[in-house]
Amino acid sequence: MDKSKPKTVFVCQQCGKESPKWLGRCPSCQEWNSLVQTVVTAPTQVATWLYSEENRPRELSRLKTETSPRLIFSLAELNRVLGGGLVHGSLVLVGGDPGIGKSTLLLQASSAVAEGGGTVVYVSGEESSQQTKLRSERLGIGGDRLYCLPETNLEIVLGRLGELSPNLVVIDSIQTVYLEELSGAPGSIAQIRECTLRLMRWAKGAGIPVLITGHVTKDGAIAGPRVLEHIVDVVLYLEGETFSSYRILRSAKNRFGSTNEVGVFEMSGKGLIEVANPSEVFLASHRDGAVGSAVVSTFEGSRPLLVEIQALTSLATFGPPRRIANGVDFGRLLLIAAVLTRRAGVNLSNQDIITNIIGGMKVGEPAADLGIALAIASSFRDCQVAPGLAALGEVGLSGELRPVPQLERRVSEAARLGFKRCLIPVSSSKSSFDAGGVELLKASSLAEALRLALVRSTKK
């Protein structure tokens, strides 16, 4: 008779690292006071293999692909981020800060499926049925074919799902559901890992897509990221500034589509409203010819977006000069500031530099280097960036300008929004294309680009 006793281990609540003894700091993620004691029950019987026709090894060349249409939502921005819709049997994780709009987005998506004739089960572990009903009335959702299940026991939830056979399942949130056979409170690493695996097996077996929400840590990552992100098929982050009504849905992982797509929404009293033309939104308050402001054309997935970059320089009066980057990669800011100082004659060694992307966007691609440099130099020299000008180009360490991909589509987006000129690297002219009436200004170096783009302000 097996008389094995339960084993006690300490599990990090941030990354899932296990340790036989308690440690003040996790050796994997370097987080302090994150190890929690967890009881692991040893199996009482030796596991046996179950042979069936479904799990028989098959030659890949003999397998047939089953093409089933994706689940399409009425929210085009959500379909874009998902890669064209929701794949049947997929497990999708939606993360974001508290109050950012995760539950609102999923309730609207559930309503869209239900209005299209599908059956949806909305498992609410954080709200009661009455609270969910109040939120649906505020959003103008009728609720036909949309079933609310206020339950946190995952075994009961899966049993109810088997009775209804829905077209879509929403779990809000994964940190609230639990399995009785596991020790530990809901939200612990052991519970989250096993519950997510159980939902994954159910979704794959039934061929029904499942959307789950996840809380985030103080660093902005989904709680237990190494546990959840490796299990699910798609990871989406809903981002946005607390003072702004705009929300950005970003894909961090997608097994069925691009991982760089974004969807833009606006939070209103009736829920999240799609923003069909994000470039116009991000440039709505842009003043042409403003000092310390430049417009760049960046790519988010397959979509070109025009965003405004602002910069401010001021004399460092106390301590070493500071560099603050909002929406811009801090390393790229340091690189551009160094190149401006050494290669373009813009001495920033004693200047505080603050950069900001309007609208809460985050720009990480090198194509925005030239726009950042123009904004900084414009603020330092108190000069305007030429009216109607968009800048495109990567800045090298020797001060040269390097070409950027998808130049034609970037220029076309600038032309559509009324920009008359685009500043591009000289090497980009090797491939000719229709600029749509936009004048292309070419520069080979950052110093030359500053001479072409900056004009002396006429304001006193």
Protein backbone atom coordinates (compact mmCIF):
# COMPACT_ATOMS: atom_id res chain seq x y z
CA MET A 1 0.00 0.00 0.00
CA ASP A 2 1.33 3.38 -0.96
CA LYS A 3 1.75 5.56 2.11
CA SER A 4 3.49 8.49 0.48
CA LYS A 5 3.00 11.74 2.31
CA PRO A 6 2.22 15.14 0.78
CA LYS A 7 5.28 17.16 -0.11
CA THR A 8 5.67 20.84 0.73
CA VAL A 9 7.35 23.17 -1.75
CA PHE A 10 7.59 26.94 -2.08
CA VAL A 11 6.31 28.35 -5.36
CA CYS A 12 7.00 31.86 -6.69
CA GLN A 13 3.72 33.63 -7.40
CA GLN A 14 5.30 35.68 -10.19
CA CYS A 15 7.13 33.16 -12.37
CA GLY A 16 6.21 29.72 -10.96
CA LYS A 17 9.73 28.77 -9.81
CA GLU A 18 9.67 25.97 -7.23
CA SER A 19 12.06 25.74 -4.28
CA PRO A 20 12.34 23.09 -1.54
CA LYS A 21 12.83 25.84 1.08
CA TRP A 22 11.66 29.39 1.57
CA LEU A 23 13.77 32.14 0.04
CA GLY A 24 13.38 35.85 0.51
CA ARG A 25 14.10 36.50 -3.17
CA CYS A 26 13.15 34.32 -6.11
CA PRO A 27 16.34 33.18 -7.92
CA SER A 28 14.50 33.15 -11.28
CA CYS A 29 12.62 36.47 -11.52
CA GLN A 30 14.44 38.29 -8.67
CA GLU A 31 11.12 39.22 -7.02
CA TRP A 32 11.14 39.73 -3.25
CA ASN A 33 8.79 37.86 -0.86
CA SER A 34 7.00 36.04 -3.69
CA LEU A 35 7.51 32.41 -2.59
CA VAL A 36 4.42 30.85 -1.00
CA GLN A 37 4.21 27.46 0.66
CA THR A 38 2.26 24.93 -1.41
CA VAL A 39 1.35 21.33 -0.62
CA VAL A 40 1.85 18.89 -3.48
CA THR A 41 0.06 15.57 -3.06
CA ALA A 42 1.92 12.61 -4.51
CA PRO A 43 -0.11 10.32 -6.77
CA THR A 44 -1.43 7.17 -5.07
CA GLN A 45 -1.33 5.04 -8.21
CA VAL A 46 1.09 4.61 -11.02
CA ALA A 47 -0.15 6.41 -14.11
CA THR A 48 -1.02 4.13 -17.06
CA TRP A 49 -1.07 4.98 -20.74
CA LEU A 50 -4.47 5.03 -22.37
CA TYR A 51 -4.28 3.97 -26.01
CA SER A 52 -6.92 5.21 -28.41
CA GLU A 53 -7.32 6.02 -32.08
CA GLU A 54 -7.20 9.75 -31.38
CA ASN A 55 -3.75 9.75 -29.76
CA ARG A 56 -2.16 7.29 -32.17
CA PRO A 57 1.01 8.70 -33.82
CA ARG A 58 0.31 9.66 -37.42
CA GLU A 59 2.55 10.61 -40.31
CA LEU A 60 2.37 14.34 -40.89
CA SER A 61 2.13 14.03 -44.67
CA ARG A 62 -1.02 11.86 -44.34
CA LEU A 63 -2.89 14.23 -42.05
CA LYS A 64 -5.77 16.22 -43.54
CA THR A 65 -6.38 19.81 -42.54
CA GLU A 66 -9.88 20.64 -41.44
CA THR A 67 -10.67 24.15 -42.61
CA SER A 68 -13.37 25.66 -40.41
CA PRO A 69 -14.33 29.32 -40.60
CA ARG A 70 -13.19 31.57 -37.80
CA LEU A 71 -15.60 33.11 -35.36
CA ILE A 72 -16.01 36.66 -36.65
CA PHE A 73 -17.01 39.48 -34.30
CA SER A 74 -18.80 42.67 -35.27
CA LEU A 75 -15.81 44.51 -33.76
CA ALA A 76 -13.43 44.84 -36.71
CA GLU A 77 -10.57 46.01 -34.47
CA LEU A 78 -10.84 42.84 -32.38
CA ASN A 79 -10.85 40.68 -35.51
CA ARG A 80 -7.73 42.48 -36.72
CA VAL A 81 -5.78 41.76 -33.54
CA LEU A 82 -6.88 38.12 -33.53
CA GLY A 83 -5.62 37.69 -37.09
CA GLY A 84 -8.99 37.64 -38.84
CA GLY A 85 -11.26 36.21 -36.15
CA LEU A 86 -11.28 33.64 -33.37
CA VAL A 87 -10.05 30.16 -34.23
CA HIS A 88 -12.31 27.36 -33.01
CA GLY A 89 -10.85 25.49 -30.05
CA SER A 90 -8.38 28.26 -29.22
CA LEU A 91 -7.64 29.61 -25.74
CA VAL A 92 -7.20 33.41 -25.61
CA LEU A 93 -5.88 35.36 -22.63
CA VAL A 94 -6.79 39.06 -22.27
CA GLY A 95 -4.76 41.02 -19.70
CA GLY A 96 -4.72 44.60 -18.53
CA ASP A 97 -4.78 46.93 -15.56
CA PRO A 98 -7.83 46.92 -13.26
CA GLY A 99 -10.61 49.08 -14.70
CA ILE A 100 -9.02 49.32 -18.15
CA GLY A 101 -12.06 47.71 -19.83
CA LYS A 102 -11.31 43.97 -20.14
CA SER A 103 -14.73 42.84 -18.91
CA THR A 104 -16.46 45.48 -21.02
CA LEU A 105 -14.66 44.34 -24.16
CA LEU A 106 -15.44 40.66 -23.58
CA LEU A 107 -19.09 41.34 -22.73
CA GLN A 108 -19.46 43.33 -25.95
CA ALA A 109 -17.75 40.53 -27.91
CA SER A 110 -20.06 37.98 -26.28
CA SER A 111 -23.10 40.06 -27.19
CA ALA A 112 -21.94 40.26 -30.80
CA VAL A 113 -21.73 36.46 -31.04
CA ALA A 114 -25.11 36.02 -29.35
CA GLU A 115 -26.78 38.54 -31.67
CA GLY A 116 -25.37 36.58 -34.61
CA GLY A 117 -27.25 33.46 -33.51
CA GLY A 118 -24.57 31.80 -31.37
CA THR A 119 -24.76 30.67 -27.77
CA VAL A 120 -22.36 32.26 -25.29
CA VAL A 121 -21.64 31.40 -21.66
CA TYR A 122 -20.16 34.23 -19.61
CA VAL A 123 -18.60 32.79 -16.45
CA SER A 124 -18.37 35.62 -13.94
CA GLY A 125 -16.20 34.82 -10.93
CA GLU A 126 -15.91 38.44 -9.78
CA GLU A 127 -19.48 39.69 -10.20
CA SER A 128 -22.92 38.35 -9.39
CA SER A 129 -25.61 37.87 -12.01
CA GLN A 130 -27.28 41.14 -10.98
CA GLN A 131 -24.03 43.08 -11.29
CA THR A 132 -23.40 41.63 -14.74
CA LYS A 133 -26.98 42.53 -15.72
CA LEU A 134 -26.47 46.13 -14.59
CA ARG A 135 -23.34 46.40 -16.70
CA SER A 136 -25.08 44.89 -19.73
CA GLU A 137 -27.93 47.43 -19.43
CA ARG A 138 -25.41 50.27 -19.31
CA LEU A 139 -23.83 48.92 -22.51
CA GLY A 140 -27.20 48.47 -24.20
CA ILE A 141 -26.90 44.66 -24.38
CA GLY A 142 -30.17 42.70 -24.47
CA GLY A 143 -28.72 39.36 -23.43
CA ASP A 144 -30.62 36.89 -25.63
CA ARG A 145 -28.64 33.63 -26.01
CA LEU A 146 -26.06 35.08 -23.61
CA TYR A 147 -25.96 33.00 -20.42
CA CYS A 148 -24.40 34.34 -17.22
CA LEU A 149 -22.85 31.77 -14.88
CA PRO A 150 -21.63 33.21 -11.54
CA GLU A 151 -19.47 30.26 -10.48
CA THR A 152 -15.84 29.79 -9.43
CA ASN A 153 -15.66 25.99 -9.10
CA LEU A 154 -14.17 24.90 -12.43
CA GLU A 155 -15.63 21.37 -12.25
CA ILE A 156 -19.13 22.81 -11.96
CA VAL A 157 -18.40 25.27 -14.75
CA LEU A 158 -17.24 22.53 -17.14
CA GLY A 159 -20.32 20.48 -16.28
CA ARG A 160 -22.62 23.37 -17.15
CA LEU A 161 -20.74 24.00 -20.37
CA GLY A 162 -21.34 20.39 -21.39
CA GLU A 163 -25.07 20.91 -20.93
CA LEU A 164 -25.29 24.08 -23.06
CA SER A 165 -22.75 23.31 -25.85
CA PRO A 166 -22.00 27.01 -26.47
CA ASN A 167 -20.23 28.64 -29.41
CA LEU A 168 -18.08 30.83 -27.13
CA VAL A 169 -17.03 30.71 -23.47
CA VAL A 170 -15.73 33.65 -21.43
CA ILE A 171 -13.98 33.16 -18.06
CA ASP A 172 -13.74 36.40 -16.05
CA SER A 173 -11.25 35.95 -14.49
CA ILE A 174 -8.82 33.01 -14.37
CA GLN A 175 -7.59 34.13 -10.93
CA THR A 176 -11.01 33.49 -9.38
CA VAL A 177 -11.69 29.91 -10.51
CA TYR A 178 -10.33 26.90 -8.62
CA LEU A 179 -10.25 23.10 -8.45
CA GLU A 180 -11.21 21.43 -5.19
CA GLU A 181 -8.62 18.64 -5.48
CA LEU A 182 -5.79 21.18 -5.40
CA SER A 183 -4.52 22.88 -2.30
CA GLY A 184 -4.02 26.61 -2.28
CA ALA A 185 -6.33 29.56 -2.65
CA PRO A 186 -7.74 30.69 -6.01
CA GLY A 187 -5.16 32.79 -7.82
CA SER A 188 -2.15 30.80 -6.63
CA ILE A 189 0.29 29.46 -9.17
CA ALA A 190 -0.84 25.85 -8.76
CA GLN A 191 -4.50 26.74 -9.19
CA ILE A 192 -3.93 29.03 -12.17
CA ARG A 193 -1.73 26.51 -13.95
CA GLU A 194 -4.07 23.54 -13.50
CA CYS A 195 -7.24 25.51 -14.26
CA THR A 196 -5.74 26.90 -17.45
CA LEU A 197 -4.57 23.44 -18.54
CA ARG A 198 -8.02 22.02 -17.82
CA LEU A 199 -9.66 24.76 -19.90
CA MET A 200 -7.18 24.20 -22.71
CA ARG A 201 -7.93 20.47 -22.87
CA TRP A 202 -11.67 21.16 -22.83
CA ALA A 203 -11.43 23.79 -25.57
CA LYS A 204 -9.31 21.59 -27.86
CA GLY A 205 -11.54 18.58 -27.32
CA ALA A 206 -14.82 20.39 -27.80
CA GLY A 207 -13.59 22.72 -30.54
CA ILE A 208 -15.04 25.74 -28.72
CA PRO A 209 -13.02 28.96 -28.27
CA VAL A 210 -12.46 30.20 -24.74
CA LEU A 211 -11.63 33.77 -23.72
CA ILE A 212 -10.13 34.31 -20.26
CA THR A 213 -9.09 37.50 -18.49
CA GLY A 214 -6.03 37.79 -16.27
CA HIS A 215 -4.89 40.30 -13.70
CA VAL A 216 -1.56 42.04 -14.08
CA THR A 217 1.28 42.58 -11.64
CA LYS A 218 2.70 45.95 -10.58
CA ASP A 219 5.15 45.72 -13.48
CA GLY A 220 2.30 45.45 -15.98
CA ALA A 221 2.75 41.74 -16.79
CA ILE A 222 0.00 39.17 -16.43
CA ALA A 223 0.17 37.49 -13.03
CA GLY A 224 2.08 34.24 -13.49
CA PRO A 225 3.14 35.07 -17.07
CA ARG A 226 5.44 32.08 -17.56
CA VAL A 227 2.60 29.83 -16.50
CA LEU A 228 -0.20 31.33 -18.58
CA GLU A 229 1.49 32.66 -21.70
CA HIS A 230 3.08 29.30 -22.55
CA ILE A 231 -0.25 27.48 -22.28
CA VAL A 232 -2.68 29.71 -24.16
CA ASP A 233 -2.78 30.23 -27.93
CA VAL A 234 -3.21 34.02 -27.97
CA VAL A 235 -2.19 36.72 -25.47
CA LEU A 236 -3.79 40.16 -25.77
CA TYR A 237 -3.03 43.22 -23.65
CA LEU A 238 -5.52 46.06 -23.25
CA GLU A 239 -3.53 49.23 -22.60
CA GLY A 240 -4.31 52.89 -22.06
CA GLU A 241 -3.51 55.91 -19.94
CA THR A 242 -5.77 56.60 -16.98
CA PHE A 243 -6.34 60.18 -18.13
CA SER A 244 -7.15 59.18 -21.72
CA SER A 245 -10.34 57.64 -23.10
CA TYR A 246 -8.48 55.68 -25.77
CA ARG A 247 -7.60 52.02 -25.34
CA ILE A 248 -5.12 49.98 -27.38
CA LEU A 249 -5.55 46.22 -27.73
CA ARG A 250 -2.14 44.74 -28.49
CA SER A 251 -1.24 41.18 -29.46
CA ALA A 252 1.78 39.78 -27.57
CA LYS A 253 1.42 36.19 -28.78
CA ASN A 254 -0.69 34.70 -31.56
CA ARG A 255 -0.32 31.21 -32.96
CA PHE A 256 -2.78 32.01 -35.75
CA GLY A 257 -1.76 35.51 -36.84
CA SER A 258 0.60 38.44 -36.50
CA THR A 259 1.98 39.34 -33.08
CA ASN A 260 2.32 43.04 -33.86
CA GLU A 261 -1.28 43.98 -34.61
CA VAL A 262 -3.10 46.60 -32.54
CA GLY A 263 -6.73 47.62 -32.27
CA VAL A 264 -7.75 51.08 -31.13
CA PHE A 265 -10.91 51.75 -29.11
CA GLU A 266 -12.43 54.71 -27.32
CA MET A 267 -14.06 54.22 -23.93
CA SER A 268 -17.47 55.86 -23.69
CA GLY A 269 -20.58 55.61 -21.57
CA LYS A 270 -21.87 52.90 -23.93
CA GLY A 271 -18.70 50.83 -23.78
CA LEU A 272 -15.76 50.55 -26.15
CA ILE A 273 -16.19 52.17 -29.56
CA GLU A 274 -13.95 51.23 -32.47
CA VAL A 275 -11.61 53.85 -33.89
CA ALA A 276 -11.51 53.16 -37.61
CA ASN A 277 -8.85 55.79 -38.37
CA PRO A 278 -6.33 55.90 -35.50
CA SER A 279 -3.95 58.25 -37.33
CA GLU A 280 -6.54 61.04 -37.33
CA VAL A 281 -7.15 60.48 -33.62
CA PHE A 282 -3.47 60.66 -32.68
CA LEU A 283 -3.01 63.79 -34.79
CA ALA A 284 -6.28 65.48 -33.82
CA SER A 285 -4.59 68.11 -31.64
CA HIS A 286 -1.40 68.37 -33.68
CA ARG A 287 -0.39 71.95 -34.47
CA ASP A 288 1.50 72.16 -37.74
CA GLY A 289 4.89 73.81 -37.34
CA ALA A 290 4.99 73.57 -33.55
CA VAL A 291 8.40 73.74 -31.83
CA GLY A 292 9.57 70.40 -30.45
CA SER A 293 7.00 68.37 -32.39
CA ALA A 294 7.46 65.97 -35.32
CA VAL A 295 5.20 63.48 -37.09
CA VAL A 296 6.40 59.99 -37.98
CA SER A 297 4.76 57.12 -39.84
CA THR A 298 5.12 53.90 -37.88
CA PHE A 299 3.85 50.39 -38.48
CA GLU A 300 1.75 48.38 -36.04
CA GLY A 301 1.43 44.95 -37.58
CA SER A 302 0.05 45.48 -41.09
CA ARG A 303 -1.30 48.98 -40.40
CA PRO A 304 0.61 52.23 -40.95
CA LEU A 305 -0.06 54.83 -38.25
CA LEU A 306 0.94 58.47 -38.08
CA VAL A 307 1.82 59.61 -34.58
CA GLU A 308 3.12 62.84 -33.11
CA ILE A 309 6.38 62.84 -31.17
CA GLN A 310 7.03 65.71 -28.78
CA ALA A 311 10.34 66.58 -27.15
CA LEU A 312 11.43 69.18 -24.62
CA THR A 313 14.98 70.13 -23.71
CA SER A 314 15.94 72.30 -20.75
CA LEU A 315 19.20 73.20 -19.04
CA ALA A 316 20.03 70.78 -16.22
CA THR A 317 20.36 73.04 -13.19
CA PHE A 318 20.81 70.35 -10.55
CA GLY A 319 22.75 67.10 -10.88
CA PRO A 320 23.44 65.22 -14.11
CA PRO A 321 21.07 65.71 -17.07
CA ARG A 322 18.06 63.41 -17.14
CA ARG A 323 16.52 61.43 -19.99
CA ILE A 324 12.78 60.65 -19.79
CA ALA A 325 11.14 58.53 -22.49
CA ASN A 326 7.34 58.13 -22.59
CA GLY A 327 6.31 55.72 -25.33
CA VAL A 328 9.85 55.66 -26.76
CA ASP A 329 12.49 53.04 -26.11
CA PHE A 330 14.92 54.48 -23.56
CA GLY A 331 17.95 52.94 -25.29
CA ARG A 332 17.00 54.52 -28.62
CA LEU A 333 16.63 57.90 -26.92
CA LEU A 334 20.15 57.66 -25.51
CA LEU A 335 21.50 56.64 -28.93
CA ILE A 336 19.79 59.52 -30.75
CA ALA A 337 20.90 62.07 -28.14
CA ALA A 338 24.52 60.88 -28.46
CA VAL A 339 24.44 61.04 -32.27
CA LEU A 340 22.92 64.53 -32.20
CA THR A 341 25.72 65.70 -29.92
CA ARG A 342 28.65 64.11 -31.74
CA ARG A 343 27.53 64.10 -35.40
CA ALA A 344 25.03 66.92 -35.84
CA GLY A 345 26.42 69.71 -33.64
CA VAL A 346 23.50 69.70 -31.18
CA ASN A 347 25.22 69.80 -27.78
CA LEU A 348 22.90 68.01 -25.37
CA SER A 349 25.47 67.11 -22.73
CA ASN A 350 23.99 69.54 -20.20
CA GLN A 351 20.33 69.27 -21.26
CA ASP A 352 17.43 67.40 -19.73
CA ILE A 353 15.53 65.61 -22.52
CA ILE A 354 11.88 64.59 -22.24
CA THR A 355 10.14 62.76 -25.09
CA ASN A 356 6.50 61.77 -25.34
CA ILE A 357 4.24 59.99 -27.84
CA ILE A 358 0.83 61.65 -28.04
CA GLY A 359 -2.16 59.39 -27.36
CA GLY A 360 -0.42 56.82 -25.18
CA MET A 361 1.11 54.93 -28.10
CA LYS A 362 4.39 53.05 -27.82
CA VAL A 363 6.81 53.27 -30.74
CA GLY A 364 9.73 50.89 -30.74
CA GLU A 365 10.78 50.54 -34.37
CA PRO A 366 13.90 52.35 -35.64
CA ALA A 367 11.88 54.09 -38.37
CA ALA A 368 10.91 56.72 -35.78
CA ASP A 369 14.54 57.68 -35.05
CA LEU A 370 14.55 60.63 -37.42
CA GLY A 371 11.30 62.01 -36.03
CA ILE A 372 12.64 61.79 -32.46
CA ALA A 373 15.85 63.54 -33.50
CA LEU A 374 13.93 66.33 -35.26
CA ALA A 375 11.72 66.92 -32.22
CA ILE A 376 14.73 67.12 -29.88
CA ALA A 377 16.72 69.42 -32.17
CA SER A 378 13.64 71.59 -32.76
CA SER A 379 13.17 72.12 -29.03
CA PHE A 380 16.90 72.75 -28.42
CA ARG A 381 17.26 75.28 -31.24
CA ASP A 382 13.76 76.75 -30.74
CA CYS A 383 13.02 76.11 -34.41
CA GLN A 384 9.90 74.80 -36.08
CA VAL A 385 9.71 71.57 -38.01
CA ALA A 386 8.66 72.55 -41.53
CA PRO A 387 4.85 72.60 -41.85
CA GLY A 388 3.26 69.59 -43.51
CA LEU A 389 6.36 67.41 -43.05
CA ALA A 390 6.52 63.77 -41.95
CA ALA A 391 9.89 62.16 -41.17
CA LEU A 392 10.99 58.57 -41.85
CA GLY A 393 14.41 57.09 -41.24
CA GLU A 394 16.69 55.11 -38.97
CA VAL A 395 19.68 56.91 -37.45
CA GLY A 396 23.05 55.15 -37.43
CA LEU A 397 25.89 55.72 -34.97
CA SER A 398 27.95 57.60 -37.54
CA GLY A 399 25.06 59.98 -38.19
CA GLU A 400 23.94 58.37 -41.45
CA LEU A 401 20.26 57.79 -42.30
CA ARG A 402 19.23 54.26 -43.15
CA PRO A 403 16.13 53.19 -45.15
CA VAL A 404 12.99 51.81 -43.54
CA PRO A 405 10.73 49.01 -44.80
CA GLN A 406 7.27 49.56 -46.31
CA LEU A 407 8.19 53.10 -47.34
CA GLU A 408 5.48 53.38 -50.01
CA ARG A 409 2.67 52.52 -47.59
CA ARG A 410 4.02 54.95 -44.99
CA VAL A 411 4.16 57.78 -47.52
CA SER A 412 0.66 56.92 -48.78
CA GLU A 413 -0.73 57.18 -45.25
CA ALA A 414 0.91 60.58 -44.85
CA ALA A 415 -0.55 61.73 -48.17
CA ARG A 416 -4.02 60.54 -47.15
CA LEU A 417 -3.89 62.74 -44.05
CA GLY A 418 -2.85 65.82 -45.98
CA PHE A 419 0.94 65.91 -45.51
CA LYS A 420 2.71 67.54 -48.44
CA ARG A 421 6.33 66.51 -47.81
CA CYS A 422 8.18 63.49 -46.43
CA LEU A 423 11.80 63.49 -45.30
CA ILE A 424 13.39 60.14 -46.17
CA PRO A 425 16.92 58.72 -46.43
CA VAL A 426 18.69 59.01 -49.79
CA SER A 427 19.15 55.25 -50.04
CA SER A 428 15.35 54.83 -50.04
CA SER A 429 15.14 56.30 -53.55
CA LYS A 430 16.47 53.10 -55.14
CA SER A 431 12.94 51.82 -55.52
CA SER A 432 10.64 54.20 -57.38
CA PHE A 433 6.96 54.42 -56.42
CA ASP A 434 4.00 56.73 -56.69
CA ALA A 435 4.24 59.18 -53.80
CA GLY A 436 0.66 60.38 -54.26
CA GLY A 437 1.58 64.02 -54.73
CA VAL A 438 3.91 64.11 -51.71
CA GLU A 439 7.26 65.83 -52.21
CA LEU A 440 10.09 63.56 -51.13
CA LEU A 441 13.00 65.33 -49.42
CA LYS A 442 16.10 63.16 -49.32
CA ALA A 443 18.95 63.38 -46.82
CA SER A 444 22.02 61.19 -46.39
CA SER A 445 22.91 62.24 -42.84
CA LEU A 446 21.24 63.51 -39.72
CA ALA A 447 22.95 66.90 -40.03
CA GLU A 448 21.60 67.33 -43.55
CA ALA A 449 18.13 66.29 -42.40
CA LEU A 450 18.17 69.00 -39.72
CA ARG A 451 19.03 71.63 -42.35
CA LEU A 452 16.14 70.52 -44.55
CA ALA A 453 13.49 70.06 -41.85
CA LEU A 454 14.06 72.88 -39.33
CA VAL A 455 13.04 76.44 -40.03
CA ARG A 456 13.43 79.47 -37.81
CA SER A 457 10.26 80.25 -35.88
CA THR A 458 8.58 83.55 -36.79
CA LYS A 459 6.88 83.80 -33.41
CA LYS A 460 8.32 86.12 -30.81
